[in-house]
Every structure is written in structure tokens, then in C-alpha cells.
PDB file of N, CA and C in Angstrom:
ATOM      1  N   MET A   1    -139.259 -82.901  78.207  1.00  0.00           N
ATOM      2  CA  MET A   1    -140.235 -80.977  78.648  1.00  0.00           C
ATOM      3  C   MET A   1    -141.081 -81.030  76.872  1.00  0.00           C
ATOM      4  N   ASN A   2    -142.932 -80.889  78.230  1.00  0.00           N
ATOM      5  CA  ASN A   2    -143.259 -80.267  77.505  1.00  0.00           C
ATOM      6  C   ASN A   2    -143.705 -78.818  77.900  1.00  0.00           C
ATOM      7  N   ILE A   3    -145.229 -78.402  77.108  1.00  0.00           N
ATOM      8  CA  ILE A   3    -145.586 -77.405  77.924  1.00  0.00           C
ATOM      9  C   ILE A   3    -146.441 -77.135  79.052  1.00  0.00           C
ATOM     10  N   GLY A   4    -146.864 -78.237  79.531  1.00  0.00           N
ATOM     11  CA  GLY A   4    -147.662 -79.098  80.621  1.00  0.00           C
ATOM     12  C   GLY A   4    -146.612 -79.111  81.385  1.00  0.00           C
ATOM     13  N   ASP A   5    -144.910 -78.640  81.327  1.00  0.00           N
ATOM     14  CA  ASP A   5    -144.221 -78.125  82.474  1.00  0.00           C
ATOM     15  C   ASP A   5    -144.729 -77.486  83.194  1.00  0.00           C
ATOM     16  N   TYR A   6    -144.408 -76.454  82.753  1.00  0.00           N
ATOM     17  CA  TYR A   6    -144.654 -75.141  82.721  1.00  0.00           C
ATOM     18  C   TYR A   6    -145.957 -74.998  83.495  1.00  0.00           C
ATOM     19  N   TRP A   7    -146.966 -74.522  83.000  1.00  0.00           N
ATOM     20  CA  TRP A   7    -148.203 -74.508  82.677  1.00  0.00           C
ATOM     21  C   TRP A   7    -149.030 -75.880  83.335  1.00  0.00           C
ATOM     22  N   ASP A   8    -150.068 -74.899  84.063  1.00  0.00           N
ATOM     23  CA  ASP A   8    -151.542 -76.215  84.443  1.00  0.00           C
ATOM     24  C   ASP A   8    -152.235 -75.869  83.152  1.00  0.00           C
ATOM     25  N   GLU A   9    -153.014 -77.383  83.296  1.00  0.00           N
ATOM     26  CA  GLU A   9    -153.985 -77.249  82.280  1.00  0.00           C
ATOM     27  C   GLU A   9    -155.197 -76.240  81.643  1.00  0.00           C
ATOM     28  N   ASP A  10    -155.394 -76.119  82.729  1.00  0.00           N
ATOM     29  CA  ASP A  10    -156.122 -74.573  82.386  1.00  0.00           C
ATOM     30  C   ASP A  10    -155.733 -73.346  81.570  1.00  0.00           C
ATOM     31  N   THR A  11    -154.041 -73.218  81.925  1.00  0.00           N
ATOM     32  CA  THR A  11    -153.436 -72.475  81.462  1.00  0.00           C
ATOM     33  C   THR A  11    -152.849 -72.643  79.611  1.00  0.00           C
ATOM     34  N   VAL A  12    -152.470 -74.069  79.566  1.00  0.00           N
ATOM     35  CA  VAL A  12    -152.349 -75.098  78.523  1.00  0.00           C
ATOM     36  C   VAL A  12    -153.880 -74.261  77.358  1.00  0.00           C
ATOM     37  N   ASP A  13    -154.742 -74.471  78.345  1.00  0.00           N
ATOM     38  CA  ASP A  13    -156.118 -74.371  77.564  1.00  0.00           C
ATOM     39  C   ASP A  13    -156.011 -73.490  76.838  1.00  0.00           C
ATOM     40  N   LYS A  14    -156.021 -72.165  77.513  1.00  0.00           N
ATOM     41  CA  LYS A  14    -156.875 -70.907  77.411  1.00  0.00           C
ATOM     42  C   LYS A  14    -155.133 -70.437  76.132  1.00  0.00           C
ATOM     43  N   VAL A  15    -154.451 -70.922  76.290  1.00  0.00           N
ATOM     44  CA  VAL A  15    -153.111 -70.289  75.212  1.00  0.00           C
ATOM     45  C   VAL A  15    -153.483 -71.036  73.522  1.00  0.00           C
ATOM     46  N   THR A  16    -153.700 -72.461  73.686  1.00  0.00           N
ATOM     47  CA  THR A  16    -153.980 -73.401  72.274  1.00  0.00           C
ATOM     48  C   THR A  16    -155.458 -72.555  72.317  1.00  0.00           C
ATOM     49  N   LYS A  17    -156.455 -72.070  72.669  1.00  0.00           N
ATOM     50  CA  LYS A  17    -157.195 -71.770  72.150  1.00  0.00           C
ATOM     51  C   LYS A  17    -157.397 -70.488  71.480  1.00  0.00           C
ATOM     52  N   LEU A  18    -156.193 -69.439  72.062  1.00  0.00           N
ATOM     53  CA  LEU A  18    -156.271 -67.796  71.435  1.00  0.00           C
ATOM     54  C   LEU A  18    -155.115 -68.241  70.485  1.00  0.00           C
ATOM     55  N   LEU A  19    -154.309 -69.569  70.250  1.00  0.00           N
ATOM     56  CA  LEU A  19    -153.155 -69.580  69.514  1.00  0.00           C
ATOM     57  C   LEU A  19    -154.080 -70.174  68.214  1.00  0.00           C
ATOM     58  N   HIS A  20    -155.056 -70.909  68.154  1.00  0.00           N
ATOM     59  CA  HIS A  20    -155.846 -71.857  66.974  1.00  0.00           C
ATOM     60  C   HIS A  20    -157.049 -69.982  66.719  1.00  0.00           C
ATOM     61  N   GLU A  21    -157.266 -69.154  67.800  1.00  0.00           N
ATOM     62  CA  GLU A  21    -157.717 -68.396  67.294  1.00  0.00           C
ATOM     63  C   GLU A  21    -157.229 -67.413  65.938  1.00  0.00           C
ATOM     64  N   TYR A  22    -155.417 -67.053  66.659  1.00  0.00           N
ATOM     65  CA  TYR A  22    -155.380 -66.127  66.238  1.00  0.00           C
ATOM     66  C   TYR A  22    -153.826 -66.635  65.180  1.00  0.00           C
ATOM     67  N   HIS A  23    -154.260 -67.636  64.321  1.00  0.00           N
ATOM     68  CA  HIS A  23    -153.383 -68.912  63.397  1.00  0.00           C
ATOM     69  C   HIS A  23    -153.190 -68.162  62.904  1.00  0.00           C
ATOM     70  N   ASP A  24    -153.439 -67.006  62.174  1.00  0.00           N
ATOM     71  CA  ASP A  24    -152.936 -66.075  61.132  1.00  0.00           C
ATOM     72  C   ASP A  24    -152.202 -65.712  60.598  1.00  0.00           C
ATOM     73  N   LEU A  25    -151.852 -65.320  62.306  1.00  0.00           N
ATOM     74  CA  LEU A  25    -150.279 -64.284  62.749  1.00  0.00           C
ATOM     75  C   LEU A  25    -149.544 -64.645  62.806  1.00  0.00           C
ATOM     76  N   PHE A  26    -149.604 -66.452  62.739  1.00  0.00           N
ATOM     77  CA  PHE A  26    -148.264 -67.039  62.964  1.00  0.00           C
ATOM     78  C   PHE A  26    -147.961 -68.072  61.923  1.00  0.00           C
ATOM     79  N   PRO A  27    -147.322 -67.471  60.849  1.00  0.00           N
ATOM     80  CA  PRO A  27    -147.363 -67.839  59.689  1.00  0.00           C
ATOM     81  C   PRO A  27    -145.552 -69.268  59.813  1.00  0.00           C
ATOM     82  N   THR A  28    -146.556 -70.016  59.186  1.00  0.00           N
ATOM     83  CA  THR A  28    -145.194 -70.910  59.509  1.00  0.00           C
ATOM     84  C   THR A  28    -144.331 -71.518  58.190  1.00  0.00           C
ATOM     85  N   LYS A  29    -144.310 -70.645  57.132  1.00  0.00           N
ATOM     86  CA  LYS A  29    -143.341 -71.063  56.203  1.00  0.00           C
ATOM     87  C   LYS A  29    -143.319 -69.337  54.973  1.00  0.00           C
ATOM     88  N   PHE A  30    -142.062 -69.117  54.976  1.00  0.00           N
ATOM     89  CA  PHE A  30    -141.986 -67.480  54.551  1.00  0.00           C
ATOM     90  C   PHE A  30    -143.212 -67.753  52.881  1.00  0.00           C
ATOM     91  N   SER A  31    -143.666 -69.072  52.261  1.00  0.00           N
ATOM     92  CA  SER A  31    -144.203 -68.534  51.863  1.00  0.00           C
ATOM     93  C   SER A  31    -145.938 -68.090  51.848  1.00  0.00           C
ATOM     94  N   ASN A  32    -146.332 -68.583  53.332  1.00  0.00           N
ATOM     95  CA  ASN A  32    -147.091 -67.405  53.770  1.00  0.00           C
ATOM     96  C   ASN A  32    -147.424 -66.312  53.680  1.00  0.00           C
ATOM     97  N   LEU A  33    -146.267 -65.568  54.149  1.00  0.00           N
ATOM     98  CA  LEU A  33    -145.992 -63.910  54.417  1.00  0.00           C
ATOM     99  C   LEU A  33    -146.869 -63.300  53.758  1.00  0.00           C
ATOM    100  N   ASN A  34    -147.536 -61.811  54.157  1.00  0.00           N
ATOM    101  CA  ASN A  34    -147.747 -61.141  52.553  1.00  0.00           C
ATOM    102  C   ASN A  34    -147.137 -60.808  51.693  1.00  0.00           C
ATOM    103  N   LEU A  35    -147.283 -60.213  50.744  1.00  0.00           N
ATOM    104  CA  LEU A  35    -146.287 -59.350  49.853  1.00  0.00           C
ATOM    105  C   LEU A  35    -145.718 -58.361  50.293  1.00  0.00           C
ATOM    106  N   LYS A  36    -146.169 -57.437  50.991  1.00  0.00           N
ATOM    107  CA  LYS A  36    -145.061 -56.549  51.696  1.00  0.00           C
ATOM    108  C   LYS A  36    -143.724 -56.863  52.544  1.00  0.00           C
ATOM    109  N   SER A  37    -143.911 -58.137  53.745  1.00  0.00           N
ATOM    110  CA  SER A  37    -143.468 -58.400  54.256  1.00  0.00           C
ATOM    111  C   SER A  37    -142.659 -59.548  53.881  1.00  0.00           C
ATOM    112  N   LYS A  38    -142.738 -60.340  52.857  1.00  0.00           N
ATOM    113  CA  LYS A  38    -141.864 -60.978  52.131  1.00  0.00           C
ATOM    114  C   LYS A  38    -140.564 -59.835  51.505  1.00  0.00           C
ATOM    115  N   GLU A  39    -141.317 -58.949  50.460  1.00  0.00           N
ATOM    116  CA  GLU A  39    -140.609 -57.686  50.217  1.00  0.00           C
ATOM    117  C   GLU A  39    -139.182 -57.360  50.821  1.00  0.00           C
ATOM    118  N   ASN A  40    -140.162 -56.965  52.120  1.00  0.00           N
ATOM    119  CA  ASN A  40    -139.002 -56.558  53.431  1.00  0.00           C
ATOM    120  C   ASN A  40    -137.536 -57.568  53.771  1.00  0.00           C
ATOM    121  N   VAL A  41    -138.298 -58.891  53.695  1.00  0.00           N
ATOM    122  CA  VAL A  41    -137.951 -60.078  54.719  1.00  0.00           C
ATOM    123  C   VAL A  41    -136.538 -60.151  53.129  1.00  0.00           C
ATOM    124  N   ARG A  42    -137.338 -60.369  51.983  1.00  0.00           N
ATOM    125  CA  ARG A  42    -136.312 -60.932  50.572  1.00  0.00           C
ATOM    126  C   ARG A  42    -135.120 -59.695  50.984  1.00  0.00           C
ATOM    127  N   GLU A  43    -135.234 -58.994  51.459  1.00  0.00           N
ATOM    128  CA  GLU A  43    -133.816 -57.332  51.344  1.00  0.00           C
ATOM    129  C   GLU A  43    -133.725 -58.092  52.504  1.00  0.00           C
ATOM    130  N   GLU A  44    -133.930 -57.917  53.621  1.00  0.00           N
ATOM    131  CA  GLU A  44    -132.892 -58.278  54.479  1.00  0.00           C
ATOM    132  C   GLU A  44    -132.151 -59.464  55.018  1.00  0.00           C
ATOM    133  N   LEU A  45    -132.528 -60.481  54.126  1.00  0.00           N
ATOM    134  CA  LEU A  45    -131.935 -61.771  53.611  1.00  0.00           C
ATOM    135  C   LEU A  45    -131.391 -62.100  52.750  1.00  0.00           C
ATOM    136  N   ASP A  46    -131.468 -60.970  51.821  1.00  0.00           N
ATOM    137  CA  ASP A  46    -130.276 -60.841  51.056  1.00  0.00           C
ATOM    138  C   ASP A  46    -128.313 -60.419  50.909  1.00  0.00           C
ATOM    139  N   LYS A  47    -129.306 -59.341  52.362  1.00  0.00           N
ATOM    140  CA  LYS A  47    -128.146 -58.522  52.665  1.00  0.00           C
ATOM    141  C   LYS A  47    -126.968 -59.395  53.696  1.00  0.00           C
ATOM    142  N   MET A  48    -128.118 -60.735  54.178  1.00  0.00           N
ATOM    143  CA  MET A  48    -127.314 -61.671  55.169  1.00  0.00           C
ATOM    144  C   MET A  48    -126.668 -62.516  54.532  1.00  0.00           C
ATOM    145  N   LEU A  49    -127.183 -62.805  53.196  1.00  0.00           N
ATOM    146  CA  LEU A  49    -126.772 -63.977  52.122  1.00  0.00           C
ATOM    147  C   LEU A  49    -125.143 -63.389  51.374  1.00  0.00           C
ATOM    148  N   THR A  50    -125.636 -62.314  51.532  1.00  0.00           N
ATOM    149  CA  THR A  50    -124.189 -61.284  50.568  1.00  0.00           C
ATOM    150  C   THR A  50    -122.692 -61.120  51.842  1.00  0.00           C
ATOM    151  N   VAL A  51    -123.255 -60.608  52.559  1.00  0.00           N
ATOM    152  CA  VAL A  51    -121.947 -61.419  53.904  1.00  0.00           C
ATOM    153  C   VAL A  51    -121.830 -62.139  54.535  1.00  0.00           C
ATOM    154  N   GLY A  52    -122.592 -63.134  54.392  1.00  0.00           N
ATOM    155  CA  GLY A  52    -122.095 -64.644  54.616  1.00  0.00           C
ATOM    156  C   GLY A  52    -122.910 -65.015  56.717  1.00  0.00           C
ATOM    157  N   ILE A  53    -123.182 -63.991  56.608  1.00  0.00           N
ATOM    158  CA  ILE A  53    -124.140 -64.119  57.799  1.00  0.00           C
ATOM    159  C   ILE A  53    -125.696 -65.712  58.012  1.00  0.00           C
ATOM    160  N   ILE A  54    -125.777 -65.908  56.694  1.00  0.00           N
ATOM    161  CA  ILE A  54    -126.772 -67.215  56.508  1.00  0.00           C
ATOM    162  C   ILE A  54    -126.262 -67.315  55.204  1.00  0.00           C
ATOM    163  N   GLU A  55    -127.031 -68.627  55.232  1.00  0.00           N
ATOM    164  CA  GLU A  55    -126.325 -69.668  54.668  1.00  0.00           C
ATOM    165  C   GLU A  55    -127.554 -70.649  53.785  1.00  0.00           C
ATOM    166  N   PRO A  56    -127.987 -70.352  52.237  1.00  0.00           N
ATOM    167  CA  PRO A  56    -129.040 -71.096  52.097  1.00  0.00           C
ATOM    168  C   PRO A  56    -130.012 -72.187  52.074  1.00  0.00           C
ATOM    169  N   GLY A  57    -131.041 -72.469  52.681  1.00  0.00           N
ATOM    170  CA  GLY A  57    -131.236 -73.878  53.089  1.00  0.00           C
ATOM    171  C   GLY A  57    -132.493 -73.756  52.484  1.00  0.00           C
ATOM    172  N   GLU A  58    -133.276 -76.036  52.004  1.00  0.00           N
ATOM    173  CA  GLU A  58    -134.499 -75.823  52.157  1.00  0.00           C
ATOM    174  C   GLU A  58    -135.478 -75.151  53.501  1.00  0.00           C
ATOM    175  N   GLU A  59    -136.749 -75.636  52.932  1.00  0.00           N
ATOM    176  CA  GLU A  59    -137.770 -75.112  54.356  1.00  0.00           C
ATOM    177  C   GLU A  59    -137.508 -77.047  54.268  1.00  0.00           C
ATOM    178  N   SER A  60    -137.862 -76.622  55.974  1.00  0.00           N
ATOM    179  CA  SER A  60    -137.853 -78.112  56.367  1.00  0.00           C
ATOM    180  C   SER A  60    -138.289 -77.897  57.921  1.00  0.00           C
ATOM    181  N   GLU A  61    -138.312 -78.751  58.189  1.00  0.00           N
ATOM    182  CA  GLU A  61    -139.140 -78.728  60.238  1.00  0.00           C
ATOM    183  C   GLU A  61    -137.529 -78.544  61.036  1.00  0.00           C
ATOM    184  N   TRP A  62    -136.315 -78.509  60.723  1.00  0.00           N
ATOM    185  CA  TRP A  62    -135.523 -79.202  61.380  1.00  0.00           C
ATOM    186  C   TRP A  62    -134.206 -77.243  61.242  1.00  0.00           C
ATOM    187  N   LEU A  63    -134.582 -76.217  60.086  1.00  0.00           N
ATOM    188  CA  LEU A  63    -134.281 -74.997  60.677  1.00  0.00           C
ATOM    189  C   LEU A  63    -135.839 -73.849  61.243  1.00  0.00           C
ATOM    190  N   SER A  64    -134.928 -73.003  62.016  1.00  0.00           N
ATOM    191  CA  SER A  64    -135.468 -72.256  62.914  1.00  0.00           C
ATOM    192  C   SER A  64    -136.633 -71.322  62.193  1.00  0.00           C
ATOM    193  N   LEU A  65    -137.478 -71.328  62.996  1.00  0.00           N
ATOM    194  CA  LEU A  65    -138.648 -70.357  62.360  1.00  0.00           C
ATOM    195  C   LEU A  65    -138.070 -68.882  62.547  1.00  0.00           C
ATOM    196  N   MET A  66    -139.000 -67.813  62.286  1.00  0.00           N
ATOM    197  CA  MET A  66    -138.383 -66.903  61.588  1.00  0.00           C
ATOM    198  C   MET A  66    -139.276 -65.897  62.120  1.00  0.00           C
ATOM    199  N   VAL A  67    -139.513 -64.973  62.871  1.00  0.00           N
ATOM    200  CA  VAL A  67    -139.919 -64.595  63.632  1.00  0.00           C
ATOM    201  C   VAL A  67    -140.059 -62.753  63.190  1.00  0.00           C
ATOM    202  N   PHE A  68    -141.049 -61.892  61.698  1.00  0.00           N
ATOM    203  CA  PHE A  68    -141.130 -60.515  61.895  1.00  0.00           C
ATOM    204  C   PHE A  68    -141.476 -60.111  62.324  1.00  0.00           C
ATOM    205  N   GLN A  69    -141.478 -58.608  62.594  1.00  0.00           N
ATOM    206  CA  GLN A  69    -141.561 -58.168  63.383  1.00  0.00           C
ATOM    207  C   GLN A  69    -141.544 -56.468  63.120  1.00  0.00           C
ATOM    208  N   GLU A  70    -141.675 -55.863  62.695  1.00  0.00           N
ATOM    209  CA  GLU A  70    -141.915 -54.283  61.882  1.00  0.00           C
ATOM    210  C   GLU A  70    -141.756 -53.099  62.970  1.00  0.00           C
ATOM    211  N   LYS A  71    -140.600 -52.392  62.399  1.00  0.00           N
ATOM    212  CA  LYS A  71    -139.914 -51.432  63.141  1.00  0.00           C
ATOM    213  C   LYS A  71    -141.666 -50.529  63.608  1.00  0.00           C
ATOM    214  N   LYS A  72    -141.738 -50.133  64.594  1.00  0.00           N
ATOM    215  CA  LYS A  72    -142.066 -49.225  65.430  1.00  0.00           C
ATOM    216  C   LYS A  72    -141.628 -47.470  65.126  1.00  0.00           C
ATOM    217  N   THR A  73    -142.537 -46.545  64.037  1.00  0.00           N
ATOM    218  CA  THR A  73    -142.127 -45.648  63.617  1.00  0.00           C
ATOM    219  C   THR A  73    -142.814 -44.407  64.692  1.00  0.00           C
ATOM    220  N   LYS A  74    -141.732 -43.576  64.760  1.00  0.00           N
ATOM    221  CA  LYS A  74    -142.287 -42.392  66.321  1.00  0.00           C
ATOM    222  C   LYS A  74    -142.968 -41.688  65.015  1.00  0.00           C
ATOM    223  N   LEU A  75    -144.084 -40.753  65.903  1.00  0.00           N
ATOM    224  CA  LEU A  75    -144.502 -39.865  65.654  1.00  0.00           C
ATOM    225  C   LEU A  75    -144.622 -38.438  66.466  1.00  0.00           C
ATOM    226  N   ILE A  76    -143.915 -37.135  64.973  1.00  0.00           N
ATOM    227  CA  ILE A  76    -143.607 -35.962  65.570  1.00  0.00           C
ATOM    228  C   ILE A  76    -144.904 -34.852  65.824  1.00  0.00           C
TER     229      ILE A  76
END
């Protein structure tokens, strides 16, 4: 399966340019996250390790990448 199976060539070009333009928003390794994000992620990972939801592993192309999204805060 290829991305071209779903999108035409023009759409693939537009998405590719967009991803290249904003590549800094999509870290591919934990070590590329900013300090605040690292601290938050480390806390959550430690919680999940403690209760056995996840297991330790090496950074590898075979592991799933993590998507980090901060919670929205309500304005009062």
C-alpha cells in the first residue's frame, strides 16, 4: 500500500511540501522533544511502566512512534 493509492499526485505533493515545511513539529525520536514535553512524557511513561501497561525497549524503526498532545485548558 502506498500513499498514492489514496491521493492523487497533486495532493501527495502538497502534503509532502507541508510536512517538509513543518518538519520541526513532528519529532521522530523522544530525544528530539523539548524539555517541558520530555518531563511530561517521562512522568506518564513512568506511570505506565509501574502498572505494567508498557515495557522498556530500545529506540528502533520497529517501535511505534509516540504522538504527544497537551490537554486543552478551560478558560474561566
